[in-house]
Amino acid sequence: MRVLFFGTPEFALPSLKGLSEEFEVVGVVCQPDKPAGRGQKPTPPPTKVFAQSQGIDFFQPEKKFQIIPIVEDLKPDCVVVVAYGKILPPEVIRYPPHGCINLHASLLPAYRGPAPIQRVILAGEKITGNTVMLMNEGMDTGQILSQEEELIKEEDNLKTLSERLSYKGAELLVKTLKDWVLGKIKPVHQDHRKATYAPLVSKEEYRICWKAEAESVKDRVRGLYPNCYTFTEQGERLKILRVRVVNGCGHPGELLDKKRFVVACGDKAVEVLELVSPKGKKISGEEFMRGYSMERCQASKNANASW
């Protein structure tokens, strides 16, 4: 079977590899190269790098209308989409005889949208999973072909949960596609009344609000890893990588210990276990406290951006 794959980031790579071992992948469509690193050098997406290594044709259309000729030229039996990052034209969704199949990292109809893994951790959920569905013109509203649950561990963050879901999702996708082509699966309509949404994360959400409850602060650091931040009283920016909830009481943003990096929240407190210092070095909370005076590392009382 001829499969045309749409996918861009690291999350899509296990699915692309799995499909290429079982089907004829006739092309890979991904987003254009983007600047990355200190030098802002144009960097190819992981799926493009894999396609090049395997001799698979790849395409990086900048406009939606440019996708249609690619599909018409390659004539795929099935289109598979995994974290492509753009909405497909209706003509593409309707084209392949076996449909457009999408792997979505949530248990639909929960957390439809572009940021399901971030949002499920931010919400403090304990269970998530993957869904393989038939695409339609709505946002993650198509009929479900298969689902698989995944436990969210206490120590999980965006990176670890994404990696696990990407590999398990790839296995589910390949198995589902085989069964779908053989006519072994009957699609199931989603219950749209139970739908929830996972919008993109805004820039403001990365800034920690210490007025929030400690558990919520912890989930934010986990769900937006490694990009949550706060400021010291002197305006120095600190990236907060890992925290734990501890007992403590004080004004939100107040430091509560001279040796451990413990910050008061709206209720209880969190201990910062790992962070990136203003100099860009990854250090422990205790290392940070040894290098800074209490006055200098006081968490900013102004760091109360909307939660």
C-alpha atoms as a PDB file:
ATOM      1  CA  MET A   1       0.000   0.000   0.000  1.00  0.00           C
ATOM      2  CA  ARG A   2       1.233   3.479  -0.932  1.00  0.00           C
ATOM      3  CA  VAL A   3       1.379   5.792   2.097  1.00  0.00           C
ATOM      4  CA  LEU A   4       2.024   9.523   2.010  1.00  0.00           C
ATOM      5  CA  PHE A   5       3.225  10.708   5.423  1.00  0.00           C
ATOM      6  CA  PHE A   6       2.627  14.152   6.898  1.00  0.00           C
ATOM      7  CA  GLY A   7       4.669  14.899  10.028  1.00  0.00           C
ATOM      8  CA  THR A   8       7.311  17.301  11.259  1.00  0.00           C
ATOM      9  CA  PRO A   9       8.761  17.032  14.810  1.00  0.00           C
ATOM     10  CA  GLU A  10      10.565  14.354  16.789  1.00  0.00           C
ATOM     11  CA  PHE A  11       7.210  13.022  17.991  1.00  0.00           C
ATOM     12  CA  ALA A  12       6.372  11.924  14.428  1.00  0.00           C
ATOM     13  CA  LEU A  13       9.631  10.067  13.824  1.00  0.00           C
ATOM     14  CA  PRO A  14       8.798   6.658  15.408  1.00  0.00           C
ATOM     15  CA  SER A  15       5.575   6.541  13.389  1.00  0.00           C
ATOM     16  CA  LEU A  16       7.394   7.328  10.149  1.00  0.00           C
ATOM     17  CA  LYS A  17      10.000   4.657  10.851  1.00  0.00           C
ATOM     18  CA  GLY A  18       7.362   2.072  11.728  1.00  0.00           C
ATOM     19  CA  LEU A  19       5.307   2.791   8.621  1.00  0.00           C
ATOM     20  CA  SER A  20       8.365   2.639   6.343  1.00  0.00           C
ATOM     21  CA  GLU A  21       9.073  -0.890   7.608  1.00  0.00           C
ATOM     22  CA  GLU A  22       5.556  -2.149   6.837  1.00  0.00           C
ATOM     23  CA  PHE A  23       4.310  -0.087   3.890  1.00  0.00           C
ATOM     24  CA  GLU A  24       5.572   1.761   0.839  1.00  0.00           C
ATOM     25  CA  VAL A  25       6.067   5.320   2.022  1.00  0.00           C
ATOM     26  CA  VAL A  26       6.004   7.281  -1.221  1.00  0.00           C
ATOM     27  CA  GLY A  27       6.747  10.661   0.296  1.00  0.00           C
ATOM     28  CA  VAL A  28       7.162  12.714   3.465  1.00  0.00           C
ATOM     29  CA  VAL A  29       5.558  16.146   3.807  1.00  0.00           C
ATOM     30  CA  CYS A  30       6.881  18.342   6.624  1.00  0.00           C
ATOM     31  CA  GLN A  31       7.154  22.003   7.516  1.00  0.00           C
ATOM     32  CA  PRO A  32      10.004  24.158   6.148  1.00  0.00           C
ATOM     33  CA  ASP A  33      13.388  24.302   7.890  1.00  0.00           C
ATOM     34  CA  LYS A  34      13.386  26.706  10.834  1.00  0.00           C
ATOM     35  CA  PRO A  35      16.170  28.684  12.560  1.00  0.00           C
ATOM     36  CA  ALA A  36      17.491  26.966  15.698  1.00  0.00           C
ATOM     37  CA  GLY A  37      20.332  27.312  18.192  1.00  0.00           C
ATOM     38  CA  ARG A  38      22.400  30.340  19.080  1.00  0.00           C
ATOM     39  CA  GLY A  39      23.383  30.936  15.483  1.00  0.00           C
ATOM     40  CA  GLN A  40      19.743  30.611  14.305  1.00  0.00           C
ATOM     41  CA  LYS A  41      20.928  28.354  11.503  1.00  0.00           C
ATOM     42  CA  PRO A  42      18.137  26.835   9.367  1.00  0.00           C
ATOM     43  CA  THR A  43      17.565  23.335  10.750  1.00  0.00           C
ATOM     44  CA  PRO A  44      15.656  20.550   8.959  1.00  0.00           C
ATOM     45  CA  PRO A  45      12.815  18.740  10.764  1.00  0.00           C
ATOM     46  CA  PRO A  46      13.623  15.217  12.059  1.00  0.00           C
ATOM     47  CA  THR A  47      11.240  13.643   9.543  1.00  0.00           C
ATOM     48  CA  LYS A  48      13.056  15.316   6.647  1.00  0.00           C
ATOM     49  CA  VAL A  49      16.408  14.052   7.933  1.00  0.00           C
ATOM     50  CA  PHE A  50      15.021  10.506   8.082  1.00  0.00           C
ATOM     51  CA  ALA A  51      13.488  10.754   4.610  1.00  0.00           C
ATOM     52  CA  GLN A  52      16.821  11.886   3.183  1.00  0.00           C
ATOM     53  CA  SER A  53      18.642   9.001   4.880  1.00  0.00           C
ATOM     54  CA  GLN A  54      16.197   6.484   3.393  1.00  0.00           C
ATOM     55  CA  GLY A  55      15.973   7.971  -0.083  1.00  0.00           C
ATOM     56  CA  ILE A  56      12.316   8.916   0.377  1.00  0.00           C
ATOM     57  CA  ASP A  57      11.068  11.972  -1.493  1.00  0.00           C
ATOM     58  CA  PHE A  58      10.278  14.848   0.862  1.00  0.00           C
ATOM     59  CA  PHE A  59       8.285  18.047   0.428  1.00  0.00           C
ATOM     60  CA  GLN A  60       8.132  21.260   2.469  1.00  0.00           C
ATOM     61  CA  PRO A  61       5.226  23.311   1.121  1.00  0.00           C
ATOM     62  CA  GLU A  62       4.866  26.794   2.580  1.00  0.00           C
ATOM     63  CA  LYS A  63       1.270  27.300   1.449  1.00  0.00           C
ATOM     64  CA  LYS A  64      -1.726  25.014   1.850  1.00  0.00           C
ATOM     65  CA  PHE A  65      -2.604  25.053  -1.855  1.00  0.00           C
ATOM     66  CA  GLN A  66       0.856  23.631  -2.641  1.00  0.00           C
ATOM     67  CA  ILE A  67      -0.068  20.348  -0.920  1.00  0.00           C
ATOM     68  CA  ILE A  68      -2.762  19.342  -3.419  1.00  0.00           C
ATOM     69  CA  PRO A  69      -0.443  18.769  -6.441  1.00  0.00           C
ATOM     70  CA  ILE A  70       1.869  16.653  -4.261  1.00  0.00           C
ATOM     71  CA  VAL A  71      -0.971  14.306  -3.375  1.00  0.00           C
ATOM     72  CA  GLU A  72      -2.312  14.170  -6.935  1.00  0.00           C
ATOM     73  CA  ASP A  73       1.145  13.377  -8.285  1.00  0.00           C
ATOM     74  CA  LEU A  74       2.013  10.617  -5.771  1.00  0.00           C
ATOM     75  CA  LYS A  75      -1.475   9.022  -5.774  1.00  0.00           C
ATOM     76  CA  PRO A  76      -1.306   7.509  -2.255  1.00  0.00           C
ATOM     77  CA  ASP A  77      -3.697   4.802  -1.147  1.00  0.00           C
ATOM     78  CA  CYS A  78      -3.640   6.349   2.310  1.00  0.00           C
ATOM     79  CA  VAL A  79      -2.457   9.591   3.909  1.00  0.00           C
ATOM     80  CA  VAL A  80      -1.097   9.370   7.461  1.00  0.00           C
ATOM     81  CA  VAL A  81      -0.735  12.484   9.624  1.00  0.00           C
ATOM     82  CA  VAL A  82       1.293  12.681  12.842  1.00  0.00           C
ATOM     83  CA  ALA A  83       1.968  16.143  14.299  1.00  0.00           C
ATOM     84  CA  TYR A  84       2.267  17.824  10.914  1.00  0.00           C
ATOM     85  CA  GLY A  85       1.463  21.227  12.384  1.00  0.00           C
ATOM     86  CA  LYS A  86      -0.827  22.545   9.653  1.00  0.00           C
ATOM     87  CA  ILE A  87      -4.413  21.929   8.572  1.00  0.00           C
ATOM     88  CA  LEU A  88      -4.803  19.871   5.404  1.00  0.00           C
ATOM     89  CA  PRO A  89      -7.004  21.077   2.527  1.00  0.00           C
ATOM     90  CA  PRO A  90     -10.369  19.264   2.238  1.00  0.00           C
ATOM     91  CA  GLU A  91      -9.318  17.978  -1.203  1.00  0.00           C
ATOM     92  CA  VAL A  92      -6.421  16.084   0.392  1.00  0.00           C
ATOM     93  CA  ILE A  93      -8.592  14.585   3.130  1.00  0.00           C
ATOM     94  CA  ARG A  94     -11.060  13.278   0.551  1.00  0.00           C
ATOM     95  CA  TYR A  95      -8.471  12.002  -1.949  1.00  0.00           C
ATOM     96  CA  PRO A  96      -7.033   8.638  -0.759  1.00  0.00           C
ATOM     97  CA  PRO A  97      -9.233   5.524  -1.054  1.00  0.00           C
ATOM     98  CA  HIS A  98      -8.297   4.380   2.454  1.00  0.00           C
ATOM     99  CA  GLY A  99      -8.738   7.848   3.899  1.00  0.00           C
ATOM    100  CA  CYS A 100      -6.567  10.194   5.930  1.00  0.00           C
ATOM    101  CA  ILE A 101      -5.448   8.584   9.198  1.00  0.00           C
ATOM    102  CA  ASN A 102      -4.275  10.702  12.127  1.00  0.00           C
ATOM    103  CA  LEU A 103      -2.426   9.778  15.323  1.00  0.00           C
ATOM    104  CA  HIS A 104      -3.439  12.188  18.091  1.00  0.00           C
ATOM    105  CA  ALA A 105      -1.797  12.169  21.533  1.00  0.00           C
ATOM    106  CA  SER A 106      -4.920  12.152  23.695  1.00  0.00           C
ATOM    107  CA  LEU A 107      -7.958  10.030  24.392  1.00  0.00           C
ATOM    108  CA  LEU A 108     -10.378  11.804  22.069  1.00  0.00           C
ATOM    109  CA  PRO A 109     -12.749  13.550  22.353  1.00  0.00           C
ATOM    110  CA  ALA A 110     -10.688  14.914  25.269  1.00  0.00           C
ATOM    111  CA  TYR A 111      -7.950  17.438  24.485  1.00  0.00           C
ATOM    112  CA  ARG A 112      -8.602  18.114  20.836  1.00  0.00           C
ATOM    113  CA  GLY A 113      -6.177  20.592  19.355  1.00  0.00           C
ATOM    114  CA  PRO A 114      -2.452  21.299  18.930  1.00  0.00           C
ATOM    115  CA  ALA A 115      -1.150  20.928  22.512  1.00  0.00           C
ATOM    116  CA  PRO A 116      -2.727  17.811  24.074  1.00  0.00           C
ATOM    117  CA  ILE A 117       0.341  16.605  25.990  1.00  0.00           C
ATOM    118  CA  GLN A 118       1.073  19.995  27.534  1.00  0.00           C
ATOM    119  CA  ARG A 119      -2.546  20.529  28.493  1.00  0.00           C
ATOM    120  CA  VAL A 120      -3.130  17.112  30.005  1.00  0.00           C
ATOM    121  CA  ILE A 121      -0.175  17.604  32.372  1.00  0.00           C
ATOM    122  CA  LEU A 122      -1.169  21.193  33.158  1.00  0.00           C
ATOM    123  CA  ALA A 123      -4.607  19.909  34.139  1.00  0.00           C
ATOM    124  CA  GLY A 124      -3.090  17.430  36.594  1.00  0.00           C
ATOM    125  CA  GLU A 125      -4.546  14.409  34.802  1.00  0.00           C
ATOM    126  CA  LYS A 126      -3.358  10.923  35.773  1.00  0.00           C
ATOM    127  CA  ILE A 127      -4.245   9.112  32.530  1.00  0.00           C
ATOM    128  CA  THR A 128      -3.910  10.053  28.875  1.00  0.00           C
ATOM    129  CA  GLY A 129      -3.218   8.025  25.742  1.00  0.00           C
ATOM    130  CA  ASN A 130      -3.236   7.905  21.948  1.00  0.00           C
ATOM    131  CA  THR A 131      -6.058   7.875  19.425  1.00  0.00           C
ATOM    132  CA  VAL A 132      -5.905   6.772  15.791  1.00  0.00           C
ATOM    133  CA  MET A 133      -8.766   8.322  13.849  1.00  0.00           C
ATOM    134  CA  LEU A 134     -10.153   8.953  10.385  1.00  0.00           C
ATOM    135  CA  MET A 135      -9.678  12.621   9.588  1.00  0.00           C
ATOM    136  CA  ASN A 136     -12.477  14.907   8.507  1.00  0.00           C
ATOM    137  CA  GLU A 137     -12.553  18.668   8.028  1.00  0.00           C
ATOM    138  CA  GLY A 138     -12.999  19.400  11.740  1.00  0.00           C
ATOM    139  CA  MET A 139     -10.259  19.723  14.357  1.00  0.00           C
ATOM    140  CA  ASP A 140      -9.723  16.176  15.669  1.00  0.00           C
ATOM    141  CA  THR A 141     -13.422  15.389  15.266  1.00  0.00           C
ATOM    142  CA  GLY A 142     -13.147  12.303  13.025  1.00  0.00           C
ATOM    143  CA  GLN A 143     -14.273   8.751  13.732  1.00  0.00           C
ATOM    144  CA  ILE A 144     -12.085   6.722  16.076  1.00  0.00           C
ATOM    145  CA  LEU A 145     -10.318   3.602  14.773  1.00  0.00           C
ATOM    146  CA  SER A 146      -8.387   2.690  17.940  1.00  0.00           C
ATOM    147  CA  GLN A 147      -7.302   4.036  21.317  1.00  0.00           C
ATOM    148  CA  GLU A 148      -4.785   3.083  23.985  1.00  0.00           C
ATOM    149  CA  GLU A 149      -4.451   4.490  27.498  1.00  0.00           C
ATOM    150  CA  GLU A 150      -1.173   5.587  29.071  1.00  0.00           C
ATOM    151  CA  LEU A 151      -0.546   6.302  32.751  1.00  0.00           C
ATOM    152  CA  ILE A 152       0.967   9.698  33.537  1.00  0.00           C
ATOM    153  CA  LYS A 153       3.692   9.107  36.105  1.00  0.00           C
ATOM    154  CA  GLU A 154       4.334  11.510  38.961  1.00  0.00           C
ATOM    155  CA  GLU A 155       7.836  12.177  37.641  1.00  0.00           C
ATOM    156  CA  ASP A 156       6.712  12.688  34.024  1.00  0.00           C
ATOM    157  CA  ASN A 157       7.230  15.976  32.266  1.00  0.00           C
ATOM    158  CA  LEU A 158       6.510  17.110  28.704  1.00  0.00           C
ATOM    159  CA  LYS A 159       9.670  15.478  27.374  1.00  0.00           C
ATOM    160  CA  THR A 160       9.307  12.055  28.996  1.00  0.00           C
ATOM    161  CA  LEU A 161       5.575  11.704  28.343  1.00  0.00           C
ATOM    162  CA  SER A 162       5.952  12.862  24.730  1.00  0.00           C
ATOM    163  CA  GLU A 163       8.664  10.293  24.091  1.00  0.00           C
ATOM    164  CA  ARG A 164       6.624   7.467  25.558  1.00  0.00           C
ATOM    165  CA  LEU A 165       3.461   8.419  23.696  1.00  0.00           C
ATOM    166  CA  SER A 166       5.369   8.771  20.422  1.00  0.00           C
ATOM    167  CA  TYR A 167       6.761   5.230  20.555  1.00  0.00           C
ATOM    168  CA  LYS A 168       3.564   3.597  21.810  1.00  0.00           C
ATOM    169  CA  GLY A 169       1.538   5.638  19.362  1.00  0.00           C
ATOM    170  CA  ALA A 170       3.700   4.427  16.489  1.00  0.00           C
ATOM    171  CA  GLU A 171       3.011   0.797  17.391  1.00  0.00           C
ATOM    172  CA  LEU A 172      -0.718   1.476  17.685  1.00  0.00           C
ATOM    173  CA  LEU A 173      -0.759   3.348  14.377  1.00  0.00           C
ATOM    174  CA  VAL A 174       0.938   0.586  12.374  1.00  0.00           C
ATOM    175  CA  LYS A 175      -1.261  -2.138  13.859  1.00  0.00           C
ATOM    176  CA  THR A 176      -4.410  -0.087  13.315  1.00  0.00           C
ATOM    177  CA  LEU A 177      -3.549   0.746   9.718  1.00  0.00           C
ATOM    178  CA  LYS A 178      -2.978  -2.930   8.911  1.00  0.00           C
ATOM    179  CA  ASP A 179      -6.345  -3.884  10.413  1.00  0.00           C
ATOM    180  CA  TRP A 180      -8.117  -0.955   8.776  1.00  0.00           C
ATOM    181  CA  VAL A 181      -6.942  -1.886   5.298  1.00  0.00           C
ATOM    182  CA  LEU A 182      -8.050  -5.486   5.886  1.00  0.00           C
ATOM    183  CA  GLY A 183     -11.523  -4.315   6.898  1.00  0.00           C
ATOM    184  CA  LYS A 184     -11.202  -5.489  10.504  1.00  0.00           C
ATOM    185  CA  ILE A 185     -12.109  -2.152  12.110  1.00  0.00           C
ATOM    186  CA  LYS A 186     -15.483  -0.419  12.334  1.00  0.00           C
ATOM    187  CA  PRO A 187     -15.018   3.331  12.981  1.00  0.00           C
ATOM    188  CA  VAL A 188     -16.719   4.777  16.063  1.00  0.00           C
ATOM    189  CA  HIS A 189     -18.168   8.284  16.186  1.00  0.00           C
ATOM    190  CA  GLN A 190     -16.863  10.582  18.913  1.00  0.00           C
ATOM    191  CA  ASP A 191     -19.218  11.878  21.573  1.00  0.00           C
ATOM    192  CA  HIS A 192     -18.844  15.573  20.796  1.00  0.00           C
ATOM    193  CA  ARG A 193     -20.659  16.510  24.019  1.00  0.00           C
ATOM    194  CA  LYS A 194     -17.619  15.321  25.961  1.00  0.00           C
ATOM    195  CA  ALA A 195     -15.076  17.233  23.894  1.00  0.00           C
ATOM    196  CA  THR A 196     -12.398  19.353  25.564  1.00  0.00           C
ATOM    197  CA  TYR A 197      -9.717  21.441  23.881  1.00  0.00           C
ATOM    198  CA  ALA A 198      -5.948  21.833  24.023  1.00  0.00           C
ATOM    199  CA  PRO A 199      -5.020  25.231  22.552  1.00  0.00           C
ATOM    200  CA  LEU A 200      -1.459  26.305  21.863  1.00  0.00           C
ATOM    201  CA  VAL A 201       0.482  27.528  24.882  1.00  0.00           C
ATOM    202  CA  SER A 202       0.813  31.315  25.028  1.00  0.00           C
ATOM    203  CA  LYS A 203       4.059  33.063  25.948  1.00  0.00           C
ATOM    204  CA  GLU A 204       2.511  34.369  29.167  1.00  0.00           C
ATOM    205  CA  GLU A 205       1.806  30.852  30.429  1.00  0.00           C
ATOM    206  CA  TYR A 206       5.509  30.015  30.686  1.00  0.00           C
ATOM    207  CA  ARG A 207       6.003  32.581  33.462  1.00  0.00           C
ATOM    208  CA  ILE A 208       5.333  31.066  36.886  1.00  0.00           C
ATOM    209  CA  CYS A 209       2.648  32.693  38.997  1.00  0.00           C
ATOM    210  CA  TRP A 210       3.480  31.988  42.629  1.00  0.00           C
ATOM    211  CA  LYS A 211      -0.067  32.904  43.683  1.00  0.00           C
ATOM    212  CA  ALA A 212      -1.228  29.594  42.240  1.00  0.00           C
ATOM    213  CA  GLU A 213      -1.509  26.466  44.376  1.00  0.00           C
ATOM    214  CA  ALA A 214       1.705  24.487  44.781  1.00  0.00           C
ATOM    215  CA  GLU A 215       0.368  21.455  42.901  1.00  0.00           C
ATOM    216  CA  SER A 216      -0.591  23.691  39.997  1.00  0.00           C
ATOM    217  CA  VAL A 217       2.896  25.252  39.940  1.00  0.00           C
ATOM    218  CA  LYS A 218       4.419  21.773  39.878  1.00  0.00           C
ATOM    219  CA  ASP A 219       2.171  20.663  36.998  1.00  0.00           C
ATOM    220  CA  ARG A 220       3.019  23.824  35.060  1.00  0.00           C
ATOM    221  CA  VAL A 221       6.743  23.190  35.379  1.00  0.00           C
ATOM    222  CA  ARG A 222       6.211  19.589  34.268  1.00  0.00           C
ATOM    223  CA  GLY A 223       3.803  20.363  31.431  1.00  0.00           C
ATOM    224  CA  LEU A 224       5.848  23.196  29.916  1.00  0.00           C
ATOM    225  CA  TYR A 225       9.290  21.658  30.483  1.00  0.00           C
ATOM    226  CA  PRO A 226      11.930  23.016  29.994  1.00  0.00           C
ATOM    227  CA  ASN A 227      10.640  26.558  29.476  1.00  0.00           C
ATOM    228  CA  CYS A 228       8.954  27.738  32.682  1.00  0.00           C
ATOM    229  CA  TYR A 229      10.667  30.721  34.262  1.00  0.00           C
ATOM    230  CA  THR A 230      10.602  33.319  37.019  1.00  0.00           C
ATOM    231  CA  PHE A 231      12.657  36.384  37.944  1.00  0.00           C
ATOM    232  CA  THR A 232      14.770  37.342  40.923  1.00  0.00           C
ATOM    233  CA  GLU A 233      14.269  40.726  42.599  1.00  0.00           C
ATOM    234  CA  GLN A 234      17.162  41.995  40.492  1.00  0.00           C
ATOM    235  CA  GLY A 235      15.364  40.978  37.304  1.00  0.00           C
ATOM    236  CA  GLU A 236      17.521  37.938  36.581  1.00  0.00           C
ATOM    237  CA  ARG A 237      15.656  35.268  34.677  1.00  0.00           C
ATOM    238  CA  LEU A 238      15.665  31.703  36.023  1.00  0.00           C
ATOM    239  CA  LYS A 239      14.413  28.690  34.090  1.00  0.00           C
ATOM    240  CA  ILE A 240      12.741  26.292  36.516  1.00  0.00           C
ATOM    241  CA  LEU A 241      13.134  22.655  35.431  1.00  0.00           C
ATOM    242  CA  ARG A 242      11.971  20.497  38.335  1.00  0.00           C
ATOM    243  CA  VAL A 243      10.118  21.134  41.589  1.00  0.00           C
ATOM    244  CA  ARG A 244       8.321  19.240  44.306  1.00  0.00           C
ATOM    245  CA  VAL A 245       5.522  20.273  46.625  1.00  0.00           C
ATOM    246  CA  VAL A 246       6.553  20.816  50.264  1.00  0.00           C
ATOM    247  CA  ASN A 247       4.953  22.231  53.389  1.00  0.00           C
ATOM    248  CA  GLY A 248       5.484  25.933  53.862  1.00  0.00           C
ATOM    249  CA  CYS A 249       3.662  29.182  54.382  1.00  0.00           C
ATOM    250  CA  GLY A 250       4.494  32.714  53.298  1.00  0.00           C
ATOM    251  CA  HIS A 251       3.777  35.500  50.833  1.00  0.00           C
ATOM    252  CA  PRO A 252       3.569  34.014  47.295  1.00  0.00           C
ATOM    253  CA  GLY A 253       7.041  34.231  45.771  1.00  0.00           C
ATOM    254  CA  GLU A 254       8.792  34.487  49.150  1.00  0.00           C
ATOM    255  CA  LEU A 255      11.849  32.330  49.845  1.00  0.00           C
ATOM    256  CA  LEU A 256      11.322  30.209  52.951  1.00  0.00           C
ATOM    257  CA  ASP A 257      14.733  28.588  53.500  1.00  0.00           C
ATOM    258  CA  LYS A 258      18.327  29.787  53.589  1.00  0.00           C
ATOM    259  CA  LYS A 259      19.792  26.567  52.158  1.00  0.00           C
ATOM    260  CA  ARG A 260      17.048  25.034  50.038  1.00  0.00           C
ATOM    261  CA  PHE A 261      15.304  26.860  47.189  1.00  0.00           C
ATOM    262  CA  VAL A 262      11.812  26.757  48.724  1.00  0.00           C
ATOM    263  CA  VAL A 263       9.252  29.246  47.411  1.00  0.00           C
ATOM    264  CA  ALA A 264       5.861  30.022  48.963  1.00  0.00           C
ATOM    265  CA  CYS A 265       2.824  29.538  46.724  1.00  0.00           C
ATOM    266  CA  GLY A 266      -0.861  30.338  47.043  1.00  0.00           C
ATOM    267  CA  ASP A 267      -1.024  27.320  49.331  1.00  0.00           C
ATOM    268  CA  LYS A 268       1.928  25.342  50.639  1.00  0.00           C
ATOM    269  CA  ALA A 269       5.222  25.783  48.762  1.00  0.00           C
ATOM    270  CA  VAL A 270       7.475  24.200  46.161  1.00  0.00           C
ATOM    271  CA  GLU A 271      11.133  23.315  46.412  1.00  0.00           C
ATOM    272  CA  VAL A 272      13.039  24.023  43.225  1.00  0.00           C
ATOM    273  CA  LEU A 273      15.201  20.941  42.630  1.00  0.00           C
ATOM    274  CA  GLU A 274      16.722  21.883  39.284  1.00  0.00           C
ATOM    275  CA  LEU A 275      16.994  25.120  37.324  1.00  0.00           C
ATOM    276  CA  VAL A 276      19.005  27.012  34.747  1.00  0.00           C
ATOM    277  CA  SER A 277      20.944  29.868  36.312  1.00  0.00           C
ATOM    278  CA  PRO A 278      21.155  33.382  34.794  1.00  0.00           C
ATOM    279  CA  LYS A 279      24.504  32.270  33.343  1.00  0.00           C
ATOM    280  CA  GLY A 280      22.809  29.432  31.466  1.00  0.00           C
ATOM    281  CA  LYS A 281      24.118  26.589  33.642  1.00  0.00           C
ATOM    282  CA  LYS A 282      21.901  23.728  34.799  1.00  0.00           C
ATOM    283  CA  ILE A 283      22.258  23.471  38.589  1.00  0.00           C
ATOM    284  CA  SER A 284      20.386  22.164  41.628  1.00  0.00           C
ATOM    285  CA  GLY A 285      18.316  24.417  43.833  1.00  0.00           C
ATOM    286  CA  GLU A 286      20.792  24.017  46.694  1.00  0.00           C
ATOM    287  CA  GLU A 287      23.701  24.970  44.423  1.00  0.00           C
ATOM    288  CA  PHE A 288      21.845  28.089  43.434  1.00  0.00           C
ATOM    289  CA  MET A 289      21.212  29.041  47.057  1.00  0.00           C
ATOM    290  CA  ARG A 290      24.876  28.606  47.935  1.00  0.00           C
ATOM    291  CA  GLY A 291      25.854  31.025  45.199  1.00  0.00           C
ATOM    292  CA  TYR A 292      23.311  33.762  45.853  1.00  0.00           C
ATOM    293  CA  SER A 293      22.362  35.811  48.899  1.00  0.00           C
ATOM    294  CA  MET A 294      18.795  35.685  50.190  1.00  0.00           C
ATOM    295  CA  GLU A 295      18.189  39.245  48.989  1.00  0.00           C
ATOM    296  CA  ARG A 296      19.469  38.568  45.497  1.00  0.00           C
ATOM    297  CA  CYS A 297      17.567  35.366  44.844  1.00  0.00           C
ATOM    298  CA  GLN A 298      14.267  36.501  46.331  1.00  0.00           C
ATOM    299  CA  ALA A 299      11.619  35.446  43.827  1.00  0.00           C
ATOM    300  CA  SER A 300      10.084  38.525  42.284  1.00  0.00           C
ATOM    301  CA  LYS A 301       6.827  39.710  43.823  1.00  0.00           C
ATOM    302  CA  ASN A 302       5.992  41.009  40.385  1.00  0.00           C
ATOM    303  CA  ALA A 303       6.117  37.527  38.812  1.00  0.00           C
ATOM    304  CA  ASN A 304       2.354  37.158  38.919  1.00  0.00           C
ATOM    305  CA  ALA A 305       1.491  36.794  35.261  1.00  0.00           C
ATOM    306  CA  SER A 306      -1.940  35.327  34.501  1.00  0.00           C
ATOM    307  CA  TRP A 307      -1.999  31.590  35.213  1.00  0.00           C
END
